[in-house]
Amino acid sequence: MEYICDAPNGRTWFRLMTEAEAANESAEMRHAVEKHYRRDLERSADSYRPLTTVFIEQDIGKKAHINRTMPLFLTLRDEDGNPLVTAMLPPRGREDPDFTCIVVGLANADPYPKHADAIEALARHFDIALDRADCYPYRRG
C-alpha cells in the first residue's frame, strides 16, 4: 500500500497497489473491489503501447503507464490497520466528468454517516468532489 493522506481521528488513506492488496480488501470488507481492480488493471495494461519493437525492452514504461491510466483504489484504515472504507477515484485522482467515483463501507454499506470527515479529507487532498449522492452507488429509498 502507498500512503495518500491522513484523516481525522487517527485514520489514514492508502492506495491499493497490488492485486493481493485488492483481494485482501475484498475479503476484509466483504465487497467486490478485487474484481474491479483486476478488470481495470487489465484494461490499463492492454492499453499500453511499447515505444520499441525490441522484445526485451517492450515493458519499459508499462508500470508507469498503468499508474497513470488506472483508477485509484483506496482504503481508509484506522490506527490498528483495520479497513473502514474503500474508494475508487479517477486515474491520478483528477476530476473526470466521464468517471463515476465510488465510496463504500463494509459489505457495501453507506460509509458517509460514520466517515464523512475522512471522505472529505480525501476529497480535499485530491481537490475532487466526493459527494454521497454521486459516489455511494447503493442509495436506498
Protein backbone atom coordinates (compact mmCIF):
# COMPACT_ATOMS: atom_id res chain seq x y z
CA MET A 1 0.00 0.00 0.00
CA GLU A 2 1.02 3.57 -0.59
CA TYR A 3 0.29 6.35 1.89
CA ILE A 4 -2.06 9.01 0.50
CA CYS A 5 -3.15 11.30 3.35
CA ASP A 6 -4.23 11.49 6.95
CA ALA A 7 -7.84 11.81 8.03
CA PRO A 8 -9.31 12.95 11.36
CA ASN A 9 -9.32 10.72 14.44
CA GLY A 10 -6.22 8.70 13.62
CA ARG A 11 -7.46 7.32 10.32
CA THR A 12 -5.32 7.19 7.17
CA TRP A 13 -5.97 6.78 3.45
CA PHE A 14 -3.78 4.38 1.47
CA ARG A 15 -3.69 3.38 -2.18
CA LEU A 16 -4.03 -0.32 -3.01
CA MET A 17 -1.05 -1.11 -5.24
CA THR A 18 -1.32 -4.85 -5.93
CA GLU A 19 -3.89 -7.48 -6.76
CA ALA A 20 -3.11 -9.15 -3.43
CA GLU A 21 -3.95 -5.95 -1.55
CA ALA A 22 -7.20 -5.65 -3.51
CA ALA A 23 -8.04 -9.29 -2.74
CA ASN A 24 -7.37 -8.69 0.96
CA GLU A 25 -9.54 -5.55 0.90
CA SER A 26 -12.38 -7.53 -0.72
CA ALA A 27 -12.15 -10.29 1.86
CA GLU A 28 -11.96 -7.96 4.86
CA MET A 29 -14.59 -5.52 3.61
CA ARG A 30 -16.89 -8.17 2.08
CA HIS A 31 -17.30 -6.47 -1.29
CA ALA A 32 -16.04 -6.83 -4.88
CA VAL A 33 -13.20 -4.29 -5.13
CA GLU A 34 -10.84 -7.09 -6.18
CA LYS A 35 -12.93 -7.78 -9.29
CA HIS A 36 -12.90 -4.09 -10.26
CA TYR A 37 -9.18 -3.75 -9.53
CA ARG A 38 -8.30 -6.72 -11.75
CA ARG A 39 -10.56 -5.52 -14.55
CA ASP A 40 -9.08 -2.01 -14.53
CA LEU A 41 -5.51 -3.32 -14.22
CA GLU A 42 -6.09 -5.47 -17.30
CA ARG A 43 -7.59 -2.55 -19.24
CA SER A 44 -4.66 -0.29 -18.38
CA ALA A 45 -2.12 -2.97 -19.25
CA ASP A 46 -3.88 -3.70 -22.55
CA SER A 47 -3.81 -0.01 -23.49
CA TYR A 48 -0.01 0.16 -23.15
CA ARG A 49 1.87 0.59 -26.40
CA PRO A 50 5.64 -0.02 -26.24
CA LEU A 51 7.93 2.62 -27.68
CA THR A 52 10.22 -0.01 -29.17
CA THR A 53 9.94 -3.24 -31.11
CA VAL A 54 12.92 -4.75 -29.28
CA PHE A 55 11.30 -7.59 -27.35
CA ILE A 56 13.40 -7.31 -24.20
CA GLU A 57 12.62 -3.57 -23.89
CA GLN A 58 8.89 -3.66 -24.60
CA ASP A 59 7.77 -3.49 -20.95
CA ILE A 60 9.92 -0.46 -20.13
CA GLY A 61 7.44 2.19 -19.08
CA LYS A 62 4.50 -0.20 -18.69
CA LYS A 63 4.25 0.13 -14.91
CA ALA A 64 4.32 3.94 -15.16
CA HIS A 65 1.63 3.79 -17.85
CA ILE A 66 -0.58 1.63 -15.62
CA ASN A 67 -0.10 4.04 -12.70
CA ARG A 68 -1.14 6.96 -14.92
CA THR A 69 -4.16 5.32 -16.55
CA MET A 70 -5.63 3.04 -13.90
CA PRO A 71 -8.24 4.34 -11.45
CA LEU A 72 -7.05 4.84 -7.89
CA PHE A 73 -8.25 2.19 -5.46
CA LEU A 74 -8.04 3.49 -1.91
CA THR A 75 -8.65 2.18 1.57
CA LEU A 76 -9.29 4.12 4.77
CA ARG A 77 -7.65 2.43 7.74
CA ASP A 78 -7.94 3.01 11.47
CA GLU A 79 -4.96 3.25 13.83
CA ASP A 80 -4.80 -0.55 14.07
CA GLY A 81 -4.81 -1.04 10.30
CA ASN A 82 -8.41 -2.20 10.06
CA PRO A 83 -10.18 -1.26 6.81
CA LEU A 84 -13.13 1.11 7.17
CA VAL A 85 -13.93 2.49 3.70
CA THR A 86 -12.95 1.64 0.13
CA ALA A 87 -12.92 4.28 -2.61
CA MET A 88 -12.31 4.27 -6.35
CA LEU A 89 -11.26 7.57 -7.91
CA PRO A 90 -10.31 8.54 -11.48
CA PRO A 91 -6.74 7.99 -12.65
CA ARG A 92 -4.32 10.27 -10.80
CA GLY A 93 -7.23 11.41 -8.64
CA ARG A 94 -8.11 14.11 -11.15
CA GLU A 95 -11.66 15.24 -11.79
CA ASP A 96 -13.13 13.42 -14.80
CA PRO A 97 -16.75 14.03 -15.85
CA ASP A 98 -16.86 10.59 -17.52
CA PHE A 99 -15.74 8.73 -14.39
CA THR A 100 -18.02 7.78 -11.51
CA CYS A 101 -16.24 7.77 -8.18
CA ILE A 102 -17.34 5.04 -5.78
CA VAL A 103 -17.10 5.12 -1.99
CA VAL A 104 -18.39 2.17 0.06
CA GLY A 105 -18.09 0.76 3.54
CA LEU A 106 -18.16 -2.75 4.97
CA ALA A 107 -20.33 -5.07 2.82
CA ASN A 108 -21.17 -2.10 0.56
CA ALA A 109 -22.79 -0.20 3.44
CA ASP A 110 -23.00 3.59 3.35
CA PRO A 111 -19.76 4.93 4.86
CA TYR A 112 -20.82 8.58 4.92
CA PRO A 113 -22.67 8.69 8.26
CA LYS A 114 -19.64 7.41 10.17
CA HIS A 115 -16.72 8.54 7.97
CA ALA A 116 -17.84 11.70 6.16
CA ASP A 117 -14.99 13.71 7.71
CA ALA A 118 -12.40 11.21 6.43
CA ILE A 119 -14.00 11.15 2.98
CA GLU A 120 -13.89 14.95 2.96
CA ALA A 121 -10.18 14.83 3.85
CA LEU A 122 -9.61 12.60 0.80
CA ALA A 123 -11.67 14.95 -1.38
CA ARG A 124 -9.57 17.93 -0.22
CA HIS A 125 -6.34 16.03 -0.80
CA PHE A 126 -7.20 15.39 -4.46
CA ASP A 127 -9.31 18.55 -4.91
CA ILE A 128 -12.17 16.40 -6.17
CA ALA A 129 -15.86 16.21 -5.23
CA LEU A 130 -16.84 13.08 -3.32
CA ASP A 131 -20.45 13.83 -2.50
CA ARG A 132 -22.54 10.96 -1.16
CA ALA A 133 -25.26 11.46 -3.78
CA ASP A 134 -22.72 10.92 -6.56
CA CYS A 135 -20.34 8.39 -5.01
CA TYR A 136 -22.38 5.97 -2.93
CA PRO A 137 -23.95 3.64 -5.52
CA TYR A 138 -26.37 1.75 -3.24
CA ARG A 139 -28.71 4.54 -2.17
CA ARG A 140 -31.92 3.21 -0.70
CA GLY A 141 -35.32 4.81 -0.56
